[in-house]
N, C-alpha and C. Protein backbone atom coordinates (compact mmCIF):
# COMPACT_ATOMS: atom_id res chain seq x y z
N GLY A 1 57.91 142.09 -102.55
CA GLY A 1 57.81 141.55 -101.22
C GLY A 1 56.39 141.19 -100.88
N THR A 2 56.19 140.87 -99.61
CA THR A 2 54.87 140.48 -99.12
C THR A 2 54.39 141.50 -98.11
N THR A 3 53.16 141.98 -98.30
CA THR A 3 52.57 142.95 -97.39
C THR A 3 51.16 142.48 -97.04
N THR A 4 50.80 142.54 -95.75
CA THR A 4 49.47 142.12 -95.31
C THR A 4 48.71 143.31 -94.77
N TYR A 5 47.44 143.41 -95.15
CA TYR A 5 46.57 144.51 -94.74
C TYR A 5 45.33 143.95 -94.05
N ASP A 6 44.88 144.60 -92.97
CA ASP A 6 43.59 144.28 -92.37
C ASP A 6 42.52 144.91 -93.24
N VAL A 7 41.54 144.12 -93.69
CA VAL A 7 40.52 144.66 -94.60
C VAL A 7 39.12 144.67 -93.99
N GLY A 8 38.94 144.05 -92.84
CA GLY A 8 37.62 144.07 -92.21
C GLY A 8 37.47 142.97 -91.19
N VAL A 9 36.31 142.95 -90.57
CA VAL A 9 36.00 141.96 -89.54
C VAL A 9 34.65 141.33 -89.87
N LEU A 10 34.61 140.00 -89.86
CA LEU A 10 33.33 139.30 -89.94
C LEU A 10 32.80 139.20 -88.53
N PRO A 11 31.58 139.70 -88.27
CA PRO A 11 31.05 139.66 -86.91
C PRO A 11 30.75 138.23 -86.45
N LYS A 12 30.81 138.04 -85.14
CA LYS A 12 30.50 136.75 -84.51
C LYS A 12 29.16 136.23 -85.02
N ASN A 13 29.09 134.92 -85.24
CA ASN A 13 27.88 134.22 -85.68
C ASN A 13 27.44 134.61 -87.08
N SER A 14 28.37 135.04 -87.92
CA SER A 14 28.04 135.37 -89.29
C SER A 14 28.41 134.22 -90.22
N GLN A 15 27.80 134.25 -91.39
CA GLN A 15 28.12 133.27 -92.42
C GLN A 15 28.56 134.03 -93.67
N LEU A 16 29.76 133.73 -94.12
CA LEU A 16 30.31 134.37 -95.31
C LEU A 16 29.68 133.77 -96.55
N LEU A 17 29.19 134.64 -97.46
CA LEU A 17 28.55 134.16 -98.68
C LEU A 17 29.48 134.26 -99.88
N THR A 18 30.04 135.45 -100.12
CA THR A 18 30.94 135.61 -101.26
C THR A 18 32.11 136.52 -100.89
N SER A 19 33.16 136.39 -101.66
CA SER A 19 34.34 137.25 -101.56
C SER A 19 34.63 137.78 -102.96
N THR A 20 34.88 139.09 -103.06
CA THR A 20 35.14 139.69 -104.37
C THR A 20 36.41 140.53 -104.32
N ILE A 21 37.27 140.35 -105.30
CA ILE A 21 38.44 141.20 -105.47
C ILE A 21 38.25 141.95 -106.79
N ARG A 22 38.36 143.28 -106.71
CA ARG A 22 38.27 144.12 -107.91
C ARG A 22 39.61 144.83 -108.12
N CYS A 23 40.17 144.68 -109.29
CA CYS A 23 41.41 145.37 -109.64
C CYS A 23 41.05 146.51 -110.59
N ALA A 24 41.04 147.74 -110.07
CA ALA A 24 40.67 148.92 -110.85
C ALA A 24 41.87 149.57 -111.53
N VAL A 25 43.04 149.48 -110.89
CA VAL A 25 44.29 149.99 -111.46
C VAL A 25 45.32 148.88 -111.30
N VAL A 26 45.90 148.43 -112.41
CA VAL A 26 46.82 147.30 -112.34
C VAL A 26 48.11 147.68 -111.63
N SER A 27 48.69 146.66 -110.99
CA SER A 27 49.99 146.83 -110.34
C SER A 27 51.07 146.85 -111.41
N ASP A 28 52.03 147.72 -111.24
CA ASP A 28 53.14 147.77 -112.19
C ASP A 28 54.41 147.15 -111.61
N SER A 29 54.24 146.24 -110.65
CA SER A 29 55.42 145.56 -110.11
C SER A 29 56.08 144.76 -111.22
N GLY A 30 57.34 144.46 -111.06
CA GLY A 30 58.14 143.84 -112.10
C GLY A 30 57.58 142.58 -112.73
N THR A 31 57.65 141.46 -112.03
CA THR A 31 57.31 140.17 -112.61
C THR A 31 55.86 139.78 -112.38
N SER A 32 55.40 139.82 -111.13
CA SER A 32 54.03 139.40 -110.82
C SER A 32 53.53 140.10 -109.57
N ALA A 33 52.20 140.12 -109.43
CA ALA A 33 51.57 140.67 -108.23
C ALA A 33 50.25 139.93 -108.02
N THR A 34 50.09 139.36 -106.83
CA THR A 34 48.85 138.65 -106.50
C THR A 34 48.34 139.09 -105.14
N VAL A 35 47.03 138.95 -104.95
CA VAL A 35 46.40 139.22 -103.66
C VAL A 35 45.64 137.98 -103.23
N SER A 36 45.82 137.58 -101.97
CA SER A 36 45.06 136.49 -101.35
C SER A 36 44.33 137.08 -100.16
N VAL A 37 43.15 136.54 -99.85
CA VAL A 37 42.35 137.06 -98.74
C VAL A 37 41.96 135.90 -97.83
N GLY A 38 42.11 136.10 -96.51
CA GLY A 38 41.74 135.05 -95.57
C GLY A 38 41.67 135.54 -94.15
N LYS A 39 41.59 134.61 -93.22
CA LYS A 39 41.53 134.93 -91.79
C LYS A 39 42.94 135.20 -91.28
N THR A 40 43.07 136.09 -90.32
CA THR A 40 44.36 136.33 -89.67
C THR A 40 44.85 135.03 -89.04
N GLY A 41 46.11 134.70 -89.29
CA GLY A 41 46.72 133.52 -88.67
C GLY A 41 46.33 132.20 -89.29
N SER A 42 45.67 132.21 -90.44
CA SER A 42 45.26 130.96 -91.08
C SER A 42 45.87 130.87 -92.47
N ALA A 43 46.34 129.69 -92.81
CA ALA A 43 46.90 129.48 -94.15
C ALA A 43 45.80 129.21 -95.17
N ALA A 44 44.58 128.93 -94.70
CA ALA A 44 43.45 128.67 -95.60
C ALA A 44 42.85 130.00 -96.04
N PHE A 45 42.83 130.25 -97.33
CA PHE A 45 42.35 131.51 -97.85
C PHE A 45 40.91 131.41 -98.33
N TYR A 46 40.17 132.50 -98.17
CA TYR A 46 38.85 132.60 -98.79
C TYR A 46 39.02 132.81 -100.29
N VAL A 47 39.98 133.64 -100.66
CA VAL A 47 40.32 133.89 -102.07
C VAL A 47 41.81 133.63 -102.22
N VAL A 48 42.18 132.67 -103.05
CA VAL A 48 43.59 132.35 -103.25
C VAL A 48 44.22 133.34 -104.21
N ALA A 49 45.51 133.27 -104.38
CA ALA A 49 46.29 134.22 -105.17
C ALA A 49 45.59 134.62 -106.47
N THR A 50 45.20 135.90 -106.52
CA THR A 50 44.51 136.47 -107.67
C THR A 50 45.42 137.50 -108.32
N ASP A 51 45.61 137.39 -109.62
CA ASP A 51 46.48 138.29 -110.36
C ASP A 51 45.94 139.71 -110.31
N VAL A 52 46.78 140.68 -109.90
CA VAL A 52 46.36 142.09 -109.88
C VAL A 52 47.21 142.91 -110.85
N LYS A 53 47.76 142.23 -111.84
CA LYS A 53 48.44 142.92 -112.93
C LYS A 53 47.50 142.99 -114.15
N THR A 54 46.25 142.59 -113.95
CA THR A 54 45.24 142.60 -114.99
C THR A 54 43.97 143.23 -114.42
N LEU A 55 43.33 144.12 -115.15
CA LEU A 55 42.07 144.69 -114.70
C LEU A 55 41.01 143.61 -114.64
N GLY A 56 40.12 143.70 -113.67
CA GLY A 56 39.04 142.73 -113.62
C GLY A 56 38.49 142.53 -112.23
N GLU A 57 37.55 141.60 -112.14
CA GLU A 57 36.87 141.27 -110.89
C GLU A 57 36.79 139.77 -110.75
N THR A 58 37.08 139.28 -109.56
CA THR A 58 36.97 137.86 -109.25
C THR A 58 36.04 137.72 -108.06
N THR A 59 34.95 136.97 -108.24
CA THR A 59 34.01 136.72 -107.15
C THR A 59 33.93 135.23 -106.92
N LEU A 60 34.07 134.85 -105.66
CA LEU A 60 34.06 133.43 -105.33
C LEU A 60 33.10 133.14 -104.19
N LEU A 61 32.41 132.00 -104.30
CA LEU A 61 31.71 131.46 -103.15
C LEU A 61 32.80 130.80 -102.34
N THR A 62 32.89 131.13 -101.06
CA THR A 62 34.08 130.78 -100.29
C THR A 62 34.50 129.32 -100.39
N THR A 63 33.65 128.36 -100.07
CA THR A 63 34.05 126.96 -100.22
C THR A 63 33.22 126.26 -101.26
N GLY A 64 32.29 126.97 -101.85
CA GLY A 64 31.46 126.37 -102.89
C GLY A 64 30.24 125.64 -102.36
N SER A 65 30.11 125.50 -101.04
CA SER A 65 28.99 124.74 -100.52
C SER A 65 28.31 125.36 -99.31
N LEU A 66 28.76 126.53 -98.89
CA LEU A 66 28.18 127.20 -97.72
C LEU A 66 28.10 126.28 -96.51
N ASP A 67 29.17 125.56 -96.23
CA ASP A 67 29.18 124.67 -95.08
C ASP A 67 29.73 125.38 -93.85
N SER A 68 30.04 124.62 -92.81
CA SER A 68 30.46 125.21 -91.54
C SER A 68 31.77 126.00 -91.66
N ALA A 69 32.58 125.74 -92.70
CA ALA A 69 33.83 126.49 -92.88
C ALA A 69 33.55 127.96 -93.19
N ASP A 70 32.35 128.27 -93.62
CA ASP A 70 31.98 129.64 -93.97
C ASP A 70 31.39 130.41 -92.79
N ARG A 71 31.27 129.78 -91.63
CA ARG A 71 30.68 130.41 -90.46
C ARG A 71 31.75 130.74 -89.44
N VAL A 72 31.56 131.84 -88.72
CA VAL A 72 32.53 132.22 -87.70
C VAL A 72 31.83 132.31 -86.35
N ASP A 73 32.46 131.78 -85.30
CA ASP A 73 31.84 131.79 -83.97
C ASP A 73 32.42 132.86 -83.07
N ALA A 74 33.25 133.75 -83.65
CA ALA A 74 33.82 134.89 -82.94
C ALA A 74 34.11 135.97 -83.98
N ASP A 75 34.20 137.22 -83.54
CA ASP A 75 34.61 138.27 -84.48
C ASP A 75 35.92 137.82 -85.13
N THR A 76 35.99 137.87 -86.45
CA THR A 76 37.12 137.31 -87.18
C THR A 76 37.74 138.37 -88.10
N GLN A 77 39.01 138.69 -87.83
CA GLN A 77 39.74 139.65 -88.66
C GLN A 77 40.05 139.04 -90.02
N ILE A 78 39.76 139.79 -91.07
CA ILE A 78 40.06 139.36 -92.43
C ILE A 78 41.25 140.19 -92.93
N THR A 79 42.20 139.51 -93.58
CA THR A 79 43.37 140.19 -94.09
C THR A 79 43.53 139.92 -95.59
N ALA A 80 44.18 140.85 -96.26
CA ALA A 80 44.57 140.67 -97.66
C ALA A 80 46.09 140.67 -97.71
N THR A 81 46.67 139.72 -98.42
CA THR A 81 48.11 139.62 -98.54
C THR A 81 48.52 139.86 -99.99
N LEU A 82 49.32 140.89 -100.18
CA LEU A 82 49.85 141.23 -101.50
C LEU A 82 51.25 140.64 -101.61
N ILE A 83 51.48 139.88 -102.67
CA ILE A 83 52.80 139.35 -102.95
C ILE A 83 53.23 139.89 -104.31
N ALA A 84 54.25 140.74 -104.29
CA ALA A 84 54.77 141.34 -105.52
C ALA A 84 56.19 140.85 -105.75
N VAL A 85 56.46 140.44 -106.98
CA VAL A 85 57.78 139.93 -107.34
C VAL A 85 58.37 140.84 -108.40
N GLY A 86 59.62 141.21 -108.23
CA GLY A 86 60.27 142.08 -109.21
C GLY A 86 60.42 143.49 -108.65
N THR A 87 60.43 144.47 -109.52
CA THR A 87 60.62 145.85 -109.10
C THR A 87 59.44 146.32 -108.26
N THR A 88 59.68 147.28 -107.38
CA THR A 88 58.64 147.81 -106.50
C THR A 88 57.55 148.50 -107.31
N ALA A 89 56.30 148.21 -106.98
CA ALA A 89 55.16 148.80 -107.68
C ALA A 89 54.99 150.26 -107.27
N THR A 90 54.61 151.07 -108.24
CA THR A 90 54.30 152.47 -107.97
C THR A 90 52.83 152.77 -108.26
N THR A 91 52.12 151.83 -108.90
CA THR A 91 50.69 151.98 -109.14
C THR A 91 49.98 150.68 -108.77
N GLY A 92 48.69 150.80 -108.57
CA GLY A 92 47.86 149.63 -108.29
C GLY A 92 46.74 150.00 -107.35
N GLN A 93 45.53 149.49 -107.63
CA GLN A 93 44.39 149.73 -106.74
C GLN A 93 43.50 148.50 -106.77
N VAL A 94 43.33 147.90 -105.60
CA VAL A 94 42.54 146.69 -105.46
C VAL A 94 41.56 146.88 -104.32
N SER A 95 40.31 146.45 -104.51
CA SER A 95 39.35 146.48 -103.40
C SER A 95 38.88 145.06 -103.13
N VAL A 96 38.59 144.80 -101.86
CA VAL A 96 38.11 143.50 -101.41
C VAL A 96 36.75 143.70 -100.77
N THR A 97 35.75 142.93 -101.22
CA THR A 97 34.38 143.04 -100.70
C THR A 97 33.90 141.67 -100.23
N PHE A 98 33.26 141.65 -99.06
CA PHE A 98 32.65 140.42 -98.55
C PHE A 98 31.16 140.61 -98.44
N THR A 99 30.42 139.57 -98.77
CA THR A 99 28.98 139.55 -98.54
C THR A 99 28.73 138.47 -97.50
N TYR A 100 28.06 138.84 -96.42
CA TYR A 100 27.82 137.87 -95.36
C TYR A 100 26.43 138.10 -94.75
N VAL A 101 25.95 137.08 -94.06
CA VAL A 101 24.70 137.16 -93.32
C VAL A 101 25.06 137.16 -91.85
N GLN A 102 24.61 138.16 -91.14
CA GLN A 102 24.93 138.26 -89.71
C GLN A 102 23.94 137.44 -88.90
N ALA A 103 24.43 136.89 -87.79
CA ALA A 103 23.61 136.08 -86.88
C ALA A 103 22.96 134.93 -87.62
N ASN A 104 23.74 134.22 -88.42
CA ASN A 104 23.23 133.10 -89.20
C ASN A 104 24.00 131.83 -88.89
N TYR A 105 24.33 131.64 -87.62
CA TYR A 105 25.13 130.50 -87.22
C TYR A 105 24.22 129.28 -87.10
N LEU A 106 23.94 128.66 -88.22
CA LEU A 106 23.01 127.53 -88.28
C LEU A 106 23.75 126.21 -88.15
N GLN A 107 23.05 125.18 -87.73
CA GLN A 107 23.67 123.86 -87.66
C GLN A 107 23.64 123.22 -89.02
N ASP A 108 24.63 122.37 -89.28
CA ASP A 108 24.61 121.58 -90.51
C ASP A 108 23.47 120.60 -90.43
N LYS A 109 22.89 120.28 -91.57
CA LYS A 109 21.78 119.34 -91.63
C LYS A 109 22.16 118.00 -91.00
N ALA A 110 23.39 117.54 -91.26
CA ALA A 110 23.85 116.25 -90.74
C ALA A 110 23.84 116.23 -89.20
N ALA A 111 24.05 117.38 -88.57
CA ALA A 111 24.10 117.43 -87.12
C ALA A 111 22.71 117.26 -86.49
N ASN A 112 21.67 117.40 -87.28
CA ASN A 112 20.30 117.30 -86.76
C ASN A 112 19.75 115.88 -86.82
N ILE A 113 20.55 114.94 -87.27
CA ILE A 113 20.07 113.57 -87.41
C ILE A 113 20.05 112.88 -86.07
């Protein structure tokens, strides 16, 4: 099934730099298990479906360009969504880490023209 967890809050006027998912203990769900991370109520993910049936770490620059999509103008709840297919998992451990700069709500260069 699908389960969503609150994993943290990006403070107002922050800029998200990286998102990291670490799978320390693999999920033993039947067919597949993935974790996506994003803003509450948004279909746009910072980290798209990442396999958690394999040990490892995935680190992503959120949009690849540190543009305005990486900045938040209000405290923003971050959620992780686990989608497991097949039998119910009895093991699994995943951590989600964000690196951000607080009070870094800068204007885009293009806006200064």
